[in-house]
């Protein structure tokens, strides 16, 4: 069995036991609170993990782009949610073909998106389920008011080839209460108009852990929970010991006693900090942080007892693991220092 020492750098390492423990923990939480789990595969982009998540009890998976969903369908995943406004003839034709292969649902937040879906699926053998995307404070996509949600839901309900599937949101971080109130009001407006809303889908790993038995949300779409990262640790979701993904890197220079350089820059660690001060930290070395990035170099600032030497190999816990996954062609599943398996990142680069 190959060792981590046999791998070239930079490389993504996935602690298989940690990832599987994170899957079990999240599913157990969802089960305790009567929530359905529909994990977002954008974090790992691997059919291997998607199948593990479904086997653990997830009702299906979430993909952000049609290309990701096509990869997952090819691998045998059968229940897929695409919470994205699908527009344009080419994408709509692909969506219709995908609809013929799997149980599929999508979102819409405008009449323009809805018109494209309705025209495409009017002659479909079975209706496409469409949820109304709601902006509950994130400031991204979504209808702005309960009245707009009701109007769009009515339009979906009356369109041939479509069926109203419920409400969907991605809430602003730390504003779960506001999102709950928004969704509860929209659900009430729908009920008053005679429209049943059995599915209310929300996203975000931190908010999932705060969801209780009295939540109006019926389904969560967490993504990062499987690997975790420094941002999730900062949010109290887990500890560094729970982080399954690290980037294996080599120290290639040590210009000063307090500064070392890694062979992993923004093309390996990503420059997405999610508001954190640094770009990552070295596993098992609290005094070593990645404080600067260029494309192919990572600047490590050393403090306290932290010491490095040229040629030393280190493991970096990144700030945002979802972006890092999309930067590599493959990941290595590990157990300690042993490499269990090397997997291609099957849905990498599927942006359309």
Protein backbone atom coordinates (compact mmCIF):
# COMPACT_ATOMS: atom_id res chain seq x y z
CA UNK A 1 0.00 0.00 0.00
CA UNK A 2 1.51 3.38 -1.01
CA UNK A 3 2.42 5.99 1.59
CA UNK A 4 1.86 9.73 1.72
CA UNK A 5 5.64 9.96 1.31
CA UNK A 6 5.22 8.56 -2.21
CA UNK A 7 2.98 11.43 -3.33
CA UNK A 8 4.19 14.48 -5.19
CA UNK A 9 3.14 17.90 -3.92
CA UNK A 10 0.91 19.77 -3.82
CA UNK A 11 -1.78 17.13 -3.33
CA UNK A 12 -5.15 16.83 -1.63
CA UNK A 13 -5.37 14.34 1.21
CA UNK A 14 -8.73 13.16 2.54
CA UNK A 15 -8.76 11.42 5.90
CA UNK A 16 -11.36 8.78 5.04
CA UNK A 17 -12.29 7.97 8.63
CA UNK A 18 -12.85 11.64 9.49
CA UNK A 19 -15.01 12.22 6.41
CA UNK A 20 -17.15 9.17 7.16
CA UNK A 21 -17.50 10.23 10.80
CA UNK A 22 -18.66 13.68 9.66
CA UNK A 23 -21.25 12.06 7.36
CA UNK A 24 -22.62 9.91 10.19
CA UNK A 25 -22.71 12.80 12.66
CA UNK A 26 -24.70 15.08 10.34
CA UNK A 27 -27.13 12.35 9.35
CA UNK A 28 -27.73 11.46 13.01
CA UNK A 29 -28.48 15.12 13.78
CA UNK A 30 -30.94 15.33 10.89
CA UNK A 31 -32.65 12.11 11.93
CA UNK A 32 -33.01 13.30 15.54
CA UNK A 33 -34.76 16.46 14.43
CA UNK A 34 -36.92 14.99 11.68
CA UNK A 35 -35.00 16.74 8.91
CA UNK A 36 -34.21 15.39 5.47
CA UNK A 37 -30.61 15.70 4.41
CA UNK A 38 -29.75 16.45 0.79
CA UNK A 39 -25.98 17.04 0.79
CA UNK A 40 -24.41 19.47 -1.65
CA UNK A 41 -21.76 17.69 -3.71
CA UNK A 42 -19.98 20.92 -4.73
CA UNK A 43 -17.68 20.38 -1.75
CA UNK A 44 -16.30 17.01 -2.85
CA UNK A 45 -17.50 16.60 -6.48
CA UNK A 46 -17.07 12.84 -6.12
CA UNK A 47 -19.66 10.12 -6.81
CA UNK A 48 -17.75 8.06 -4.23
CA UNK A 49 -18.78 10.38 -1.39
CA UNK A 50 -22.23 11.13 -2.80
CA UNK A 51 -23.04 7.42 -2.66
CA UNK A 52 -21.72 7.21 0.90
CA UNK A 53 -23.95 10.12 1.90
CA UNK A 54 -27.05 8.52 0.38
CA UNK A 55 -26.19 5.16 1.94
CA UNK A 56 -26.03 6.91 5.33
CA UNK A 57 -29.61 8.15 4.92
CA UNK A 58 -29.63 11.24 2.70
CA UNK A 59 -32.78 11.53 0.56
CA UNK A 60 -30.74 12.58 -2.47
CA UNK A 61 -28.04 15.05 -3.43
CA UNK A 62 -27.74 18.69 -4.42
CA UNK A 63 -25.70 19.90 -7.41
CA UNK A 64 -25.12 23.52 -8.38
CA UNK A 65 -24.61 23.05 -12.10
CA UNK A 66 -26.08 20.73 -14.73
CA UNK A 67 -22.60 19.41 -15.52
CA UNK A 68 -22.18 18.25 -11.94
CA UNK A 69 -25.61 16.62 -12.02
CA UNK A 70 -24.80 14.82 -15.27
CA UNK A 71 -21.65 13.35 -13.72
CA UNK A 72 -23.60 12.17 -10.68
CA UNK A 73 -26.38 10.68 -12.82
CA UNK A 74 -23.79 8.84 -14.91
CA UNK A 75 -22.47 7.36 -11.66
CA UNK A 76 -25.90 6.07 -10.63
CA UNK A 77 -27.22 8.80 -8.32
CA UNK A 78 -30.96 8.99 -8.87
CA UNK A 79 -32.44 11.93 -6.89
CA UNK A 80 -30.90 15.31 -7.70
CA UNK A 81 -31.80 18.89 -6.76
CA UNK A 82 -30.46 21.78 -8.86
CA UNK A 83 -31.10 24.99 -6.88
CA UNK A 84 -30.18 27.26 -9.76
CA UNK A 85 -31.95 29.40 -12.36
CA UNK A 86 -31.55 27.43 -15.60
CA UNK A 87 -31.68 29.65 -18.69
CA UNK A 88 -30.84 29.24 -22.37
CA UNK A 89 -31.78 26.64 -24.98
CA UNK A 90 -28.66 24.49 -24.60
CA UNK A 91 -28.95 24.19 -20.83
CA UNK A 92 -32.69 23.59 -20.96
CA UNK A 93 -32.25 20.76 -23.46
CA UNK A 94 -29.64 19.17 -21.19
CA UNK A 95 -31.96 19.63 -18.22
CA UNK A 96 -34.78 17.88 -20.04
CA UNK A 97 -32.52 14.96 -20.94
CA UNK A 98 -31.40 14.70 -17.33
CA UNK A 99 -35.03 14.79 -16.19
CA UNK A 100 -35.62 11.62 -18.20
CA UNK A 101 -32.91 9.79 -16.26
CA UNK A 102 -33.34 10.82 -12.60
CA UNK A 103 -35.80 12.28 -10.11
CA UNK A 104 -35.05 15.96 -10.63
CA UNK A 105 -36.07 19.25 -9.05
CA UNK A 106 -34.92 22.80 -9.77
CA UNK A 107 -35.57 26.37 -8.63
CA UNK A 108 -36.81 29.58 -10.21
CA UNK A 109 -37.05 33.14 -8.95
CA UNK A 110 -38.42 34.95 -12.01
CA UNK A 111 -41.01 34.69 -14.76
CA UNK A 112 -38.19 34.56 -17.31
CA UNK A 113 -36.73 31.39 -15.80
CA UNK A 114 -40.21 29.93 -15.40
CA UNK A 115 -41.15 30.65 -19.01
CA UNK A 116 -38.10 28.75 -20.27
CA UNK A 117 -38.87 25.77 -18.05
CA UNK A 118 -42.54 25.76 -19.02
CA UNK A 119 -41.78 25.87 -22.75
CA UNK A 120 -39.22 23.08 -22.46
CA UNK A 121 -41.23 20.71 -20.28
CA UNK A 122 -44.73 21.26 -21.70
CA UNK A 123 -44.52 17.94 -23.56
CA UNK A 124 -42.52 16.05 -20.92
CA UNK A 125 -43.73 12.61 -19.96
CA UNK A 126 -43.87 13.62 -16.29
CA UNK A 127 -43.77 17.08 -14.71
CA UNK A 128 -40.62 18.80 -13.48
CA UNK A 129 -40.72 19.83 -9.83
CA UNK A 130 -39.88 23.52 -9.39
CA UNK A 131 -39.24 25.25 -6.07
CA UNK A 132 -39.41 29.02 -5.59
CA UNK A 133 -36.05 30.45 -4.57
CA UNK A 134 -36.40 32.99 -1.76
CA UNK A 135 -33.95 35.68 -0.67
CA UNK A 136 -34.24 35.52 3.11
CA UNK A 137 -31.34 37.90 3.73
CA UNK A 138 -28.38 36.60 1.73
CA UNK A 139 -28.73 39.24 -0.97
CA UNK A 140 -28.17 36.79 -3.80
CA UNK A 141 -30.88 35.17 -5.94
CA UNK A 142 -34.48 34.82 -4.82
CA UNK A 143 -37.84 36.54 -4.68
CA UNK A 144 -37.91 39.36 -2.15
CA UNK A 145 -41.33 39.00 -0.54
CA UNK A 146 -43.86 36.36 0.42
CA UNK A 147 -46.26 37.92 -2.08
CA UNK A 148 -43.75 37.38 -4.89
CA UNK A 149 -43.22 33.79 -3.73
CA UNK A 150 -46.96 33.19 -3.87
CA UNK A 151 -47.31 34.70 -7.34
CA UNK A 152 -44.48 32.57 -8.73
CA UNK A 153 -45.79 29.44 -7.00
CA UNK A 154 -49.19 30.00 -8.61
CA UNK A 155 -47.55 30.38 -12.02
CA UNK A 156 -45.62 27.14 -11.53
CA UNK A 157 -48.73 25.33 -10.38
CA UNK A 158 -50.66 26.38 -13.47
CA UNK A 159 -47.90 25.65 -16.00
CA UNK A 160 -48.18 22.50 -18.08
CA UNK A 161 -45.26 20.17 -17.51
CA UNK A 162 -44.32 21.72 -14.16
CA UNK A 163 -45.36 21.12 -10.58
CA UNK A 164 -44.87 23.37 -7.54
CA UNK A 165 -42.30 21.74 -5.26
CA UNK A 166 -41.97 24.16 -2.35
CA UNK A 167 -39.60 26.89 -1.19
CA UNK A 168 -35.80 27.06 -1.23
CA UNK A 169 -33.32 29.47 0.33
CA UNK A 170 -29.66 29.92 1.16
CA UNK A 171 -29.79 32.05 4.32
CA UNK A 172 -27.30 34.68 5.33
CA UNK A 173 -24.76 33.42 7.84
CA UNK A 174 -25.97 33.86 11.41
CA UNK A 175 -29.45 34.97 10.37
CA UNK A 176 -31.31 31.71 10.76
CA UNK A 177 -34.11 33.30 12.82
CA UNK A 178 -34.81 35.87 10.11
CA UNK A 179 -34.86 33.15 7.46
CA UNK A 180 -37.24 31.03 9.53
CA UNK A 181 -39.64 33.96 9.95
CA UNK A 182 -39.52 34.78 6.22
CA UNK A 183 -40.21 31.19 5.20
CA UNK A 184 -42.96 30.73 7.78
CA UNK A 185 -44.72 33.81 6.43
CA UNK A 186 -44.42 32.60 2.86
CA UNK A 187 -45.70 29.15 3.79
CA UNK A 188 -48.69 30.74 5.50
CA UNK A 189 -49.44 32.85 2.41
CA UNK A 190 -49.29 29.75 0.22
CA UNK A 191 -51.61 27.82 2.52
CA UNK A 192 -54.13 30.67 2.51
CA UNK A 193 -54.15 30.47 -1.29
CA UNK A 194 -54.68 26.71 -1.23
CA UNK A 195 -51.12 25.76 -2.19
CA UNK A 196 -49.52 23.07 -0.06
CA UNK A 197 -45.83 23.54 0.72
CA UNK A 198 -44.44 20.22 1.88
CA UNK A 199 -40.80 20.96 1.12
CA UNK A 200 -38.81 23.89 2.46
CA UNK A 201 -35.13 23.52 1.63
CA UNK A 202 -32.34 25.48 3.29
CA UNK A 203 -28.56 25.41 3.02
CA UNK A 204 -25.42 26.10 4.97
CA UNK A 205 -23.52 23.74 7.26
CA UNK A 206 -23.45 25.98 10.37
CA UNK A 207 -27.20 26.66 10.34
CA UNK A 208 -27.99 22.96 10.00
CA UNK A 209 -26.49 22.31 13.43
CA UNK A 210 -28.64 25.05 14.95
CA UNK A 211 -31.87 23.68 13.50
CA UNK A 212 -34.31 22.26 16.05
CA UNK A 213 -37.54 20.29 16.10
CA UNK A 214 -39.69 23.42 15.63
CA UNK A 215 -38.02 24.58 12.41
CA UNK A 216 -40.18 25.35 9.39
CA UNK A 217 -37.35 23.92 7.27
CA UNK A 218 -37.88 20.31 6.17
CA UNK A 219 -34.62 19.75 4.27
CA UNK A 220 -31.02 20.88 4.60
CA UNK A 221 -28.36 21.02 1.89
CA UNK A 222 -25.05 21.13 3.78
CA UNK A 223 -21.88 20.77 1.76
CA UNK A 224 -18.77 21.54 3.78
CA UNK A 225 -19.73 19.27 6.68
CA UNK A 226 -18.11 16.25 5.04
CA UNK A 227 -14.59 17.75 5.02
CA UNK A 228 -14.81 20.87 7.20
CA UNK A 229 -12.21 23.66 7.02
CA UNK A 230 -10.86 26.61 9.01
CA UNK A 231 -13.98 28.67 8.36
CA UNK A 232 -16.25 25.98 9.77
CA UNK A 233 -13.94 25.60 12.78
CA UNK A 234 -14.19 29.37 13.34
CA UNK A 235 -17.98 29.02 13.27
CA UNK A 236 -17.85 26.34 15.97
CA UNK A 237 -18.98 23.50 13.71
CA UNK A 238 -16.01 21.32 14.60
CA UNK A 239 -12.34 21.32 15.52
CA UNK A 240 -9.20 21.00 13.44
CA UNK A 241 -9.22 17.34 14.47
CA UNK A 242 -12.50 16.96 12.54
CA UNK A 243 -11.12 18.44 9.31
CA UNK A 244 -10.79 15.65 6.75
CA UNK A 245 -9.22 17.64 3.90
CA UNK A 246 -5.66 18.93 3.95
CA UNK A 247 -3.27 20.02 1.23
CA UNK A 248 0.09 18.26 1.27
CA UNK A 249 2.82 20.79 0.48
CA UNK A 250 6.61 21.06 0.48
CA UNK A 251 8.74 23.82 2.00
CA UNK A 252 10.78 25.10 -0.95
CA UNK A 253 12.42 28.14 0.63
CA UNK A 254 13.13 29.63 4.07
CA UNK A 255 14.29 33.22 3.42
CA UNK A 256 14.12 34.41 7.06
CA UNK A 257 13.83 32.71 10.47
CA UNK A 258 10.13 33.63 10.65
CA UNK A 259 9.14 33.08 7.01
CA UNK A 260 9.00 29.90 4.94
CA UNK A 261 7.66 29.33 1.44
CA UNK A 262 5.48 26.41 0.30
CA UNK A 263 5.00 25.04 -3.21
CA UNK A 264 1.26 25.67 -2.76
CA UNK A 265 -0.09 29.06 -3.74
CA UNK A 266 -3.49 30.37 -4.78
CA UNK A 267 -3.76 27.65 -7.44
CA UNK A 268 -3.66 25.01 -4.70
CA UNK A 269 -5.05 26.66 -1.56
CA UNK A 270 -7.36 29.26 -3.16
CA UNK A 271 -7.34 32.91 -2.16
CA UNK A 272 -10.87 32.63 -0.72
CA UNK A 273 -10.54 33.36 3.01
CA UNK A 274 -14.27 33.79 3.81
CA UNK A 275 -13.24 36.70 6.02
CA UNK A 276 -10.48 34.92 7.95
CA UNK A 277 -7.17 36.69 8.48
CA UNK A 278 -4.96 34.02 6.90
CA UNK A 279 -5.16 31.51 4.03
CA UNK A 280 -4.65 28.36 6.08
CA UNK A 281 -2.68 26.84 8.91
CA UNK A 282 -0.29 23.94 9.16
CA UNK A 283 -1.75 20.85 10.78
CA UNK A 284 -0.23 20.18 14.18
CA UNK A 285 1.68 23.46 14.13
CA UNK A 286 -0.46 26.28 15.61
CA UNK A 287 2.35 28.82 15.21
CA UNK A 288 2.59 28.33 11.45
CA UNK A 289 0.04 30.13 9.30
CA UNK A 290 -0.21 30.79 5.59
CA UNK A 291 -0.27 34.59 5.57
CA UNK A 292 0.30 35.31 1.89
CA UNK A 293 -0.24 33.71 -1.50
CA UNK A 294 0.97 34.20 -5.03
CA UNK A 295 -0.03 31.80 -7.78
CA UNK A 296 2.52 29.08 -7.00
CA UNK A 297 3.92 30.08 -3.60
CA UNK A 298 2.47 30.15 -0.11
CA UNK A 299 4.09 32.39 2.51
CA UNK A 300 4.14 30.82 5.97
CA UNK A 301 4.70 33.06 8.98
CA UNK A 302 6.27 31.24 11.93
CA UNK A 303 5.76 32.22 15.56
CA UNK A 304 6.38 30.68 18.95
CA UNK A 305 8.02 27.26 18.74
CA UNK A 306 7.03 26.66 15.11
CA UNK A 307 9.98 25.61 12.99
CA UNK A 308 10.32 24.36 9.42
CA UNK A 309 13.16 23.21 7.21
CA UNK A 310 13.61 23.29 3.45
CA UNK A 311 12.34 20.05 1.93
CA UNK A 312 9.97 19.33 4.81
CA UNK A 313 6.47 18.23 3.83
CA UNK A 314 3.53 19.73 5.69
CA UNK A 315 -0.26 19.52 5.64
CA UNK A 316 -2.28 22.72 5.31
CA UNK A 317 -5.86 23.09 6.55
CA UNK A 318 -7.40 25.55 4.05
CA UNK A 319 -9.94 28.26 4.84
CA UNK A 320 -12.48 27.06 2.26
CA UNK A 321 -12.27 23.42 1.22
CA UNK A 322 -14.99 23.60 -1.46
CA UNK A 323 -12.89 25.84 -3.69
CA UNK A 324 -9.72 23.82 -3.11
CA UNK A 325 -11.39 20.62 -4.35
CA UNK A 326 -12.07 22.22 -7.71
CA UNK A 327 -8.38 23.05 -8.17
CA UNK A 328 -7.12 19.45 -8.33
CA UNK A 329 -7.66 16.58 -10.75
CA UNK A 330 -7.56 13.95 -8.02
CA UNK A 331 -7.70 13.40 -4.27
CA UNK A 332 -6.00 10.77 -2.14
CA UNK A 333 -7.98 8.95 0.53
CA UNK A 334 -5.72 8.22 3.48
CA UNK A 335 -5.60 6.31 6.74
CA UNK A 336 -2.78 7.72 8.82
CA UNK A 337 0.21 7.77 6.48
CA UNK A 338 -1.23 5.12 4.15
CA UNK A 339 -2.87 6.02 0.84
CA UNK A 340 -6.01 3.90 0.56
CA UNK A 341 -7.19 5.07 -2.85
CA UNK A 342 -6.71 7.83 -5.40
CA UNK A 343 -9.91 9.18 -6.93
CA UNK A 344 -10.44 11.54 -9.88
CA UNK A 345 -12.45 14.65 -8.98
CA UNK A 346 -15.13 13.62 -11.44
CA UNK A 347 -17.23 16.80 -11.43
CA UNK A 348 -14.28 19.19 -11.37
CA UNK A 349 -14.61 22.06 -13.84
CA UNK A 350 -18.24 21.27 -14.72
CA UNK A 351 -19.21 24.92 -14.62
CA UNK A 352 -22.13 24.82 -17.05
